[in-house]
Amino acid sequence: MPIDRAALSENLRLARIEKGFSQQELATRVGVATETISRFERGAFEPALSTAFDLSRALGLTIDVMIGSAGRTAKGKPEKKLPERRTAPKAPARNRAIKVIKAAVQKKPAKK
């Protein structure tokens, strides 16, 4: 899946501002030039994988959030949500169901 440069640049800029870092401070933390941070934020180019990891650590973001692919599959489609887990019926309903099943197995009428 190609990286969404617009999302990457916007996410980097917003995370940097939220952390209170200047471009120079972030560049120092990551070990790149200030102009490199500026280019990432403008969408001029994408960071190398090692730089992306350093950026994510410095900004407290996961890589998928930083590149704008959180909640997407490898083909760029939204991830399917798992169905909500159903809970077991409450005790009285569960006990009644067990009695009905036992009666059916033993071929006796169920008592209420």
N, C-alpha and C. Protein backbone atom coordinates (compact mmCIF):
# COMPACT_ATOMS: atom_id res chain seq x y z
N MET A 1 0.85 -1.17 0.00
CA MET A 1 0.00 0.00 0.00
C MET A 1 0.90 1.24 0.00
N PRO A 2 0.67 2.14 -0.91
CA PRO A 2 1.48 3.36 -0.94
C PRO A 2 1.16 4.25 0.26
N ILE A 3 2.18 4.98 0.68
CA ILE A 3 2.01 5.89 1.81
C ILE A 3 1.25 7.13 1.34
N ASP A 4 0.31 7.55 2.13
CA ASP A 4 -0.44 8.78 1.86
C ASP A 4 0.41 9.95 2.36
N ARG A 5 1.13 10.59 1.43
CA ARG A 5 2.05 11.67 1.83
C ARG A 5 1.33 12.82 2.50
N ALA A 6 0.12 13.12 2.05
CA ALA A 6 -0.63 14.23 2.66
C ALA A 6 -0.93 13.91 4.12
N ALA A 7 -1.35 12.66 4.38
CA ALA A 7 -1.65 12.26 5.76
C ALA A 7 -0.38 12.24 6.59
N LEU A 8 0.70 11.71 6.02
CA LEU A 8 1.98 11.67 6.74
C LEU A 8 2.44 13.07 7.12
N SER A 9 2.43 13.97 6.17
CA SER A 9 2.92 15.32 6.45
C SER A 9 2.05 16.03 7.48
N GLU A 10 0.74 15.88 7.36
CA GLU A 10 -0.17 16.52 8.31
C GLU A 10 -0.04 15.90 9.71
N ASN A 11 0.05 14.58 9.77
CA ASN A 11 0.18 13.90 11.06
C ASN A 11 1.48 14.27 11.76
N LEU A 12 2.57 14.36 11.00
CA LEU A 12 3.85 14.75 11.59
C LEU A 12 3.78 16.17 12.14
N ARG A 13 3.25 17.07 11.35
CA ARG A 13 3.18 18.46 11.76
C ARG A 13 2.31 18.62 13.01
N LEU A 14 1.13 18.00 13.01
CA LEU A 14 0.23 18.12 14.15
C LEU A 14 0.82 17.49 15.41
N ALA A 15 1.45 16.32 15.27
CA ALA A 15 2.05 15.66 16.43
C ALA A 15 3.21 16.48 16.98
N ARG A 16 4.01 17.06 16.09
CA ARG A 16 5.13 17.90 16.53
C ARG A 16 4.63 19.10 17.32
N ILE A 17 3.60 19.76 16.80
CA ILE A 17 3.04 20.93 17.47
C ILE A 17 2.41 20.53 18.80
N GLU A 18 1.70 19.39 18.81
CA GLU A 18 1.07 18.92 20.05
C GLU A 18 2.11 18.62 21.13
N LYS A 19 3.26 18.10 20.74
CA LYS A 19 4.34 17.82 21.69
C LYS A 19 5.08 19.09 22.10
N GLY A 20 4.83 20.19 21.38
CA GLY A 20 5.48 21.45 21.70
C GLY A 20 6.91 21.55 21.16
N PHE A 21 7.22 20.73 20.15
CA PHE A 21 8.55 20.75 19.55
C PHE A 21 8.60 21.71 18.37
N SER A 22 9.72 22.40 18.24
CA SER A 22 9.97 23.14 16.99
C SER A 22 10.51 22.11 16.00
N GLN A 23 10.59 22.50 14.73
CA GLN A 23 11.18 21.60 13.75
C GLN A 23 12.63 21.28 14.13
N GLN A 24 13.33 22.29 14.65
CA GLN A 24 14.72 22.09 15.03
C GLN A 24 14.85 21.10 16.19
N GLU A 25 13.96 21.21 17.20
CA GLU A 25 14.00 20.28 18.33
C GLU A 25 13.73 18.84 17.88
N LEU A 26 12.73 18.68 17.02
CA LEU A 26 12.41 17.35 16.52
C LEU A 26 13.56 16.79 15.70
N ALA A 27 14.14 17.63 14.86
CA ALA A 27 15.28 17.19 14.05
C ALA A 27 16.43 16.71 14.93
N THR A 28 16.70 17.42 16.01
CA THR A 28 17.77 17.03 16.93
C THR A 28 17.45 15.70 17.58
N ARG A 29 16.22 15.51 18.03
CA ARG A 29 15.81 14.26 18.68
C ARG A 29 15.91 13.07 17.72
N VAL A 30 15.61 13.32 16.44
CA VAL A 30 15.59 12.24 15.45
C VAL A 30 16.97 12.03 14.82
N GLY A 31 17.79 13.08 14.83
CA GLY A 31 19.12 12.97 14.25
C GLY A 31 19.16 13.29 12.77
N VAL A 32 18.31 14.22 12.34
CA VAL A 32 18.30 14.67 10.95
C VAL A 32 18.39 16.19 10.93
N ALA A 33 18.53 16.75 9.74
CA ALA A 33 18.59 18.20 9.59
C ALA A 33 17.19 18.80 9.74
N THR A 34 17.14 20.05 10.16
CA THR A 34 15.86 20.76 10.30
C THR A 34 15.14 20.80 8.95
N GLU A 35 15.88 21.00 7.87
CA GLU A 35 15.28 21.04 6.53
C GLU A 35 14.61 19.71 6.18
N THR A 36 15.15 18.61 6.70
CA THR A 36 14.55 17.30 6.44
C THR A 36 13.17 17.22 7.08
N ILE A 37 13.04 17.69 8.31
CA ILE A 37 11.72 17.71 8.97
C ILE A 37 10.77 18.59 8.17
N SER A 38 11.25 19.73 7.71
CA SER A 38 10.43 20.63 6.91
C SER A 38 9.94 19.93 5.63
N ARG A 39 10.82 19.19 5.00
CA ARG A 39 10.44 18.47 3.76
C ARG A 39 9.41 17.38 4.05
N PHE A 40 9.56 16.67 5.16
CA PHE A 40 8.57 15.66 5.53
C PHE A 40 7.21 16.32 5.73
N GLU A 41 7.20 17.45 6.44
CA GLU A 41 5.94 18.13 6.75
C GLU A 41 5.30 18.76 5.52
N ARG A 42 6.09 19.10 4.53
CA ARG A 42 5.55 19.64 3.27
C ARG A 42 5.13 18.54 2.31
N GLY A 43 5.51 17.30 2.63
CA GLY A 43 5.19 16.18 1.75
C GLY A 43 6.14 16.09 0.57
N ALA A 44 7.30 16.75 0.68
CA ALA A 44 8.27 16.74 -0.41
C ALA A 44 8.91 15.36 -0.58
N PHE A 45 9.11 14.65 0.52
CA PHE A 45 9.56 13.27 0.44
C PHE A 45 9.24 12.51 1.70
N GLU A 46 9.33 11.18 1.61
CA GLU A 46 8.99 10.29 2.72
C GLU A 46 10.24 9.92 3.50
N PRO A 47 10.10 9.72 4.79
CA PRO A 47 11.26 9.30 5.59
C PRO A 47 11.64 7.85 5.30
N ALA A 48 12.91 7.54 5.43
CA ALA A 48 13.35 6.15 5.37
C ALA A 48 12.73 5.41 6.56
N LEU A 49 12.68 4.10 6.49
CA LEU A 49 12.05 3.32 7.55
C LEU A 49 12.69 3.59 8.91
N SER A 50 14.01 3.64 8.96
CA SER A 50 14.68 3.88 10.24
C SER A 50 14.34 5.28 10.78
N THR A 51 14.23 6.26 9.90
CA THR A 51 13.86 7.61 10.31
C THR A 51 12.40 7.65 10.76
N ALA A 52 11.55 6.88 10.07
CA ALA A 52 10.14 6.81 10.47
C ALA A 52 10.00 6.26 11.88
N PHE A 53 10.80 5.23 12.22
CA PHE A 53 10.77 4.68 13.57
C PHE A 53 11.23 5.73 14.59
N ASP A 54 12.29 6.45 14.24
CA ASP A 54 12.79 7.49 15.15
C ASP A 54 11.76 8.59 15.35
N LEU A 55 11.09 8.97 14.27
CA LEU A 55 10.03 9.99 14.35
C LEU A 55 8.89 9.50 15.23
N SER A 56 8.48 8.25 15.01
CA SER A 56 7.34 7.72 15.78
C SER A 56 7.67 7.68 17.27
N ARG A 57 8.91 7.30 17.61
CA ARG A 57 9.31 7.29 19.01
C ARG A 57 9.33 8.69 19.60
N ALA A 58 9.90 9.63 18.86
CA ALA A 58 10.01 11.01 19.36
C ALA A 58 8.64 11.65 19.54
N LEU A 59 7.69 11.29 18.67
CA LEU A 59 6.37 11.93 18.70
C LEU A 59 5.33 11.11 19.47
N GLY A 60 5.68 9.89 19.86
CA GLY A 60 4.73 9.05 20.59
C GLY A 60 3.60 8.54 19.73
N LEU A 61 3.89 8.30 18.45
CA LEU A 61 2.89 7.78 17.52
C LEU A 61 3.31 6.39 17.05
N THR A 62 2.34 5.58 16.68
CA THR A 62 2.68 4.33 16.01
C THR A 62 2.89 4.65 14.53
N ILE A 63 3.61 3.79 13.86
CA ILE A 63 3.90 4.01 12.44
C ILE A 63 2.60 4.07 11.63
N ASP A 64 1.66 3.17 11.89
CA ASP A 64 0.43 3.16 11.10
C ASP A 64 -0.37 4.45 11.26
N VAL A 65 -0.39 5.00 12.46
CA VAL A 65 -1.08 6.28 12.68
C VAL A 65 -0.32 7.40 11.98
N MET A 66 0.99 7.37 12.10
CA MET A 66 1.82 8.43 11.52
C MET A 66 1.67 8.49 10.00
N ILE A 67 1.62 7.32 9.33
CA ILE A 67 1.52 7.34 7.87
C ILE A 67 0.09 7.37 7.37
N GLY A 68 -0.87 7.40 8.30
CA GLY A 68 -2.26 7.55 7.90
C GLY A 68 -2.93 6.27 7.43
N SER A 69 -2.40 5.10 7.85
CA SER A 69 -3.01 3.85 7.41
C SER A 69 -3.69 3.09 8.54
N ALA A 70 -3.80 3.69 9.71
CA ALA A 70 -4.47 3.00 10.83
C ALA A 70 -5.90 2.69 10.42
N GLY A 71 -6.31 1.46 10.66
CA GLY A 71 -7.67 1.05 10.31
C GLY A 71 -7.83 0.66 8.86
N ARG A 72 -6.72 0.44 8.14
CA ARG A 72 -6.77 0.06 6.73
C ARG A 72 -6.04 -1.26 6.51
N THR A 73 -6.50 -2.03 5.53
CA THR A 73 -5.83 -3.27 5.18
C THR A 73 -4.67 -2.95 4.24
N ALA A 74 -3.91 -3.98 3.87
CA ALA A 74 -2.77 -3.79 2.97
C ALA A 74 -3.21 -3.25 1.61
N LYS A 75 -4.45 -3.50 1.22
CA LYS A 75 -4.95 -3.00 -0.07
C LYS A 75 -5.60 -1.63 0.05
N GLY A 76 -5.52 -1.03 1.23
CA GLY A 76 -6.06 0.30 1.42
C GLY A 76 -7.54 0.35 1.77
N LYS A 77 -8.16 -0.82 1.93
CA LYS A 77 -9.58 -0.86 2.27
C LYS A 77 -9.75 -0.78 3.78
N PRO A 78 -10.88 -0.23 4.23
CA PRO A 78 -11.10 -0.18 5.69
C PRO A 78 -11.13 -1.58 6.27
N GLU A 79 -10.54 -1.72 7.47
CA GLU A 79 -10.56 -3.02 8.14
C GLU A 79 -11.97 -3.35 8.58
N LYS A 80 -12.30 -4.64 8.52
CA LYS A 80 -13.60 -5.09 9.01
C LYS A 80 -13.52 -5.18 10.52
N LYS A 81 -14.55 -4.70 11.16
CA LYS A 81 -14.60 -4.78 12.61
C LYS A 81 -15.11 -6.15 13.00
N LEU A 82 -14.55 -6.69 14.06
CA LEU A 82 -15.03 -7.95 14.58
C LEU A 82 -16.39 -7.75 15.22
N PRO A 83 -17.26 -8.74 15.11
CA PRO A 83 -18.56 -8.58 15.76
C PRO A 83 -18.39 -8.50 17.26
N GLU A 84 -19.31 -7.80 17.88
CA GLU A 84 -19.24 -7.68 19.33
C GLU A 84 -19.47 -9.04 19.97
N ARG A 85 -18.75 -9.29 21.03
CA ARG A 85 -18.88 -10.56 21.71
C ARG A 85 -20.19 -10.59 22.47
N ARG A 86 -20.92 -11.66 22.27
CA ARG A 86 -22.18 -11.81 22.99
C ARG A 86 -21.92 -12.43 24.35
N THR A 87 -22.66 -11.98 25.32
CA THR A 87 -22.51 -12.53 26.66
C THR A 87 -23.51 -13.65 26.87
N ALA A 88 -23.22 -14.52 27.82
CA ALA A 88 -24.12 -15.61 28.15
C ALA A 88 -25.40 -15.05 28.76
N PRO A 89 -26.52 -15.76 28.58
CA PRO A 89 -27.77 -15.28 29.18
C PRO A 89 -27.66 -15.25 30.70
N LYS A 90 -28.49 -14.46 31.31
CA LYS A 90 -28.52 -14.36 32.77
C LYS A 90 -28.90 -15.72 33.36
N ALA A 91 -28.55 -15.92 34.62
CA ALA A 91 -28.72 -17.22 35.27
C ALA A 91 -30.13 -17.83 35.13
N PRO A 92 -31.23 -17.09 35.40
CA PRO A 92 -32.55 -17.73 35.28
C PRO A 92 -32.83 -18.21 33.86
N ALA A 93 -32.51 -17.43 32.87
CA ALA A 93 -32.76 -17.83 31.48
C ALA A 93 -31.85 -19.00 31.11
N ARG A 94 -30.62 -18.97 31.58
CA ARG A 94 -29.67 -20.05 31.29
C ARG A 94 -30.15 -21.36 31.93
N ASN A 95 -30.60 -21.27 33.19
CA ASN A 95 -31.09 -22.47 33.88
C ASN A 95 -32.31 -23.05 33.18
N ARG A 96 -33.20 -22.19 32.74
CA ARG A 96 -34.40 -22.66 32.02
C ARG A 96 -34.00 -23.33 30.72
N ALA A 97 -33.05 -22.76 30.00
CA ALA A 97 -32.58 -23.35 28.74
C ALA A 97 -31.97 -24.72 28.99
N ILE A 98 -31.19 -24.86 30.07
CA ILE A 98 -30.58 -26.14 30.39
C ILE A 98 -31.65 -27.19 30.69
N LYS A 99 -32.69 -26.80 31.44
CA LYS A 99 -33.78 -27.74 31.74
C LYS A 99 -34.47 -28.19 30.47
N VAL A 100 -34.72 -27.28 29.55
CA VAL A 100 -35.40 -27.61 28.29
C VAL A 100 -34.54 -28.57 27.47
N ILE A 101 -33.24 -28.30 27.42
CA ILE A 101 -32.34 -29.17 26.65
C ILE A 101 -32.27 -30.57 27.28
N LYS A 102 -32.14 -30.64 28.59
CA LYS A 102 -32.09 -31.94 29.27
C LYS A 102 -33.37 -32.72 29.05
N ALA A 103 -34.49 -32.03 29.14
CA ALA A 103 -35.79 -32.69 28.93
C ALA A 103 -35.90 -33.22 27.51
N ALA A 104 -35.42 -32.45 26.55
CA ALA A 104 -35.48 -32.88 25.15
C ALA A 104 -34.61 -34.10 24.94
N VAL A 105 -33.45 -34.12 25.58
CA VAL A 105 -32.54 -35.26 25.45
C VAL A 105 -33.15 -36.49 26.10
N GLN A 106 -33.80 -36.32 27.25
CA GLN A 106 -34.39 -37.44 27.98
C GLN A 106 -35.83 -37.71 27.53
N LYS A 107 -36.34 -36.89 26.63
CA LYS A 107 -37.70 -36.99 26.09
C LYS A 107 -38.75 -36.92 27.18
N LYS A 108 -38.53 -36.01 28.13
CA LYS A 108 -39.50 -35.75 29.20
C LYS A 108 -39.98 -34.33 29.02
N PRO A 109 -41.20 -34.02 29.41
CA PRO A 109 -41.66 -32.64 29.37
C PRO A 109 -40.90 -31.80 30.39
N ALA A 110 -40.54 -30.60 30.01
CA ALA A 110 -39.79 -29.72 30.90
C ALA A 110 -40.71 -29.12 31.94
N LYS A 111 -40.24 -29.04 33.20
CA LYS A 111 -41.00 -28.42 34.26
C LYS A 111 -40.65 -26.97 34.31
N LYS A 112 -41.64 -26.15 34.57
CA LYS A 112 -41.42 -24.71 34.65
C LYS A 112 -40.97 -24.27 36.00
